[in-house]
Protein backbone atom coordinates (compact mmCIF):
# COMPACT_ATOMS: atom_id res chain seq x y z
CA UNK A 1 0.00 0.00 0.00
CA UNK A 2 2.90 2.35 0.74
CA UNK A 3 4.06 2.43 -2.91
CA UNK A 4 0.56 3.16 -4.21
CA UNK A 5 -0.09 5.82 -1.54
CA UNK A 6 3.28 7.34 -0.52
CA UNK A 7 1.74 9.92 1.85
CA UNK A 8 -0.28 8.92 4.92
CA UNK A 9 -1.49 10.37 8.22
CA UNK A 10 -3.54 8.74 10.97
CA UNK A 11 -5.80 10.61 13.38
CA UNK A 12 -7.42 8.30 15.91
CA UNK A 13 -8.98 5.45 13.93
CA UNK A 14 -8.97 7.27 10.57
CA UNK A 15 -6.07 7.10 8.10
CA UNK A 16 -5.83 9.38 5.07
CA UNK A 17 -3.58 8.19 2.23
CA UNK A 18 -2.59 10.24 -0.83
CA UNK A 19 -1.08 9.53 -4.25
CA UNK A 20 -0.26 12.30 -6.74
CA UNK A 21 0.17 12.37 -10.54
CA UNK A 22 1.32 15.25 -12.72
CA UNK A 23 -1.05 15.81 -15.66
CA UNK A 24 1.16 16.93 -18.55
CA UNK A 25 -1.74 16.86 -21.02
CA UNK A 26 -3.67 19.43 -18.95
CA UNK A 27 -0.65 21.59 -18.12
CA UNK A 28 0.65 24.49 -20.19
CA UNK A 29 3.94 25.88 -18.81
CA UNK A 30 3.91 28.65 -21.45
CA UNK A 31 0.75 29.95 -19.74
CA UNK A 32 2.01 29.27 -16.18
CA UNK A 33 -0.39 26.37 -15.69
CA UNK A 34 0.67 23.09 -14.08
CA UNK A 35 -1.98 20.51 -13.09
CA UNK A 36 -1.94 17.48 -10.80
CA UNK A 37 -4.48 14.79 -9.94
CA UNK A 38 -4.50 13.45 -6.41
CA UNK A 39 -6.08 10.20 -5.26
CA UNK A 40 -7.28 10.12 -1.65
CA UNK A 41 -8.16 7.00 0.33
CA UNK A 42 -9.80 7.46 3.74
CA UNK A 43 -9.75 4.32 5.90
CA UNK A 44 -11.86 3.77 9.01
CA UNK A 45 -10.22 1.31 11.44
CA UNK A 46 -12.68 2.18 14.21
CA UNK A 47 -15.70 0.31 15.56
CA UNK A 48 -18.20 2.98 14.45
CA UNK A 49 -19.08 4.59 11.11
CA UNK A 50 -17.61 8.03 10.40
CA UNK A 51 -18.97 10.67 8.05
CA UNK A 52 -16.90 13.26 6.23
CA UNK A 53 -18.61 16.64 6.62
CA UNK A 54 -16.18 19.17 5.13
CA UNK A 55 -12.67 19.82 3.85
CA UNK A 56 -10.06 22.47 4.57
CA UNK A 57 -7.06 22.65 2.19
CA UNK A 58 -3.94 24.83 2.25
CA UNK A 59 -2.27 24.96 -1.16
CA UNK A 60 1.11 26.64 -1.76
CA UNK A 61 3.26 26.98 -4.86
CA UNK A 62 7.00 27.64 -5.16
CA UNK A 63 6.31 31.10 -6.61
CA UNK A 64 4.80 32.25 -3.30
CA UNK A 65 1.14 31.66 -4.13
CA UNK A 66 -1.03 30.54 -1.21
CA UNK A 67 -4.64 29.41 -1.42
CA UNK A 68 -7.17 28.05 1.03
CA UNK A 69 -10.05 25.85 -0.11
CA UNK A 70 -12.90 25.11 2.29
CA UNK A 71 -16.27 23.54 1.69
CA UNK A 72 -18.75 20.80 2.35
CA UNK A 73 -17.80 17.23 1.55
CA UNK A 74 -15.52 16.08 -1.25
CA UNK A 75 -16.36 15.72 -4.95
CA UNK A 76 -19.99 16.55 -4.14
CA UNK A 77 -20.36 13.88 -1.46
CA UNK A 78 -20.36 13.61 2.32
CA UNK A 79 -19.55 9.90 2.51
CA UNK A 80 -20.25 7.63 5.46
CA UNK A 81 -17.39 5.18 5.93
CA UNK A 82 -18.31 1.95 7.70
CA UNK A 83 -16.02 0.29 10.27
CA UNK A 84 -13.19 -1.50 8.45
CA UNK A 85 -14.08 0.18 5.14
CA UNK A 86 -12.49 2.90 3.03
CA UNK A 87 -13.61 5.67 0.68
CA UNK A 88 -11.62 6.73 -2.40
CA UNK A 89 -11.90 9.79 -4.60
CA UNK A 90 -9.80 11.62 -7.17
CA UNK A 91 -9.60 15.38 -7.61
CA UNK A 92 -7.22 17.89 -9.16
CA UNK A 93 -5.17 20.96 -8.42
CA UNK A 94 -3.84 23.57 -10.87
CA UNK A 95 -0.92 25.81 -9.89
CA UNK A 96 0.70 28.84 -11.52
CA UNK A 97 4.16 27.39 -10.75
CA UNK A 98 5.90 24.09 -11.56
CA UNK A 99 5.83 22.84 -7.98
CA UNK A 100 4.09 23.30 -4.66
CA UNK A 101 2.38 21.41 -1.89
CA UNK A 102 -0.99 20.67 -0.35
CA UNK A 103 -2.09 19.82 3.18
CA UNK A 104 -5.23 20.13 5.20
CA UNK A 105 -7.91 18.40 7.22
CA UNK A 106 -11.33 16.83 7.01
CA UNK A 107 -14.09 17.56 9.50
CA UNK A 108 -15.67 14.22 10.44
CA UNK A 109 -18.44 13.07 12.75
CA UNK A 110 -18.82 9.77 14.62
CA UNK A 111 -21.40 9.03 17.31
CA UNK A 112 -22.53 12.68 17.15
CA UNK A 113 -19.04 13.97 18.04
CA UNK A 114 -17.20 16.08 15.45
CA UNK A 115 -13.42 15.92 15.05
CA UNK A 116 -10.70 16.91 12.58
CA UNK A 117 -8.65 14.37 10.63
CA UNK A 118 -5.25 15.36 9.22
CA UNK A 119 -4.59 15.18 5.49
CA UNK A 120 -0.84 14.51 5.17
CA UNK A 121 1.25 17.19 3.47
CA UNK A 122 2.19 16.14 -0.05
CA UNK A 123 4.36 17.57 -2.80
CA UNK A 124 3.21 18.69 -6.23
CA UNK A 125 6.29 18.47 -8.46
CA UNK A 126 6.32 18.67 -12.25
CA UNK A 127 8.83 16.52 -14.16
CA UNK A 128 10.84 19.64 -15.14
CA UNK A 129 11.47 20.36 -11.45
CA UNK A 130 12.16 16.73 -10.54
CA UNK A 131 15.14 16.53 -12.93
């Protein structure tokens, strides 16, 4: 699992795993546009279901750009994750620089108690920067 999802963070019984891919076909360096897809897997190792209520992202690029993204759910859903189950989704992030990073948290609820789950920091690096 580590190779497929190189970034991971566990908060209580919930683990968030992340994999990132640079999307060359959607990027246009001549127009200062670099795009990545990120695949998130949220695993519930607890004895009770958990529901993802909202997200809070901090996105930074190596040119000094900083953005915050907050909102309900993810990809239009507020999934309930059963004990021992996981939830996967894929989303994307454009930057105006060839590299950057993302990190954040999910607001979850279990047994009527809300709590924050850490999204591990992960790098957004285009192939030109990786060389």
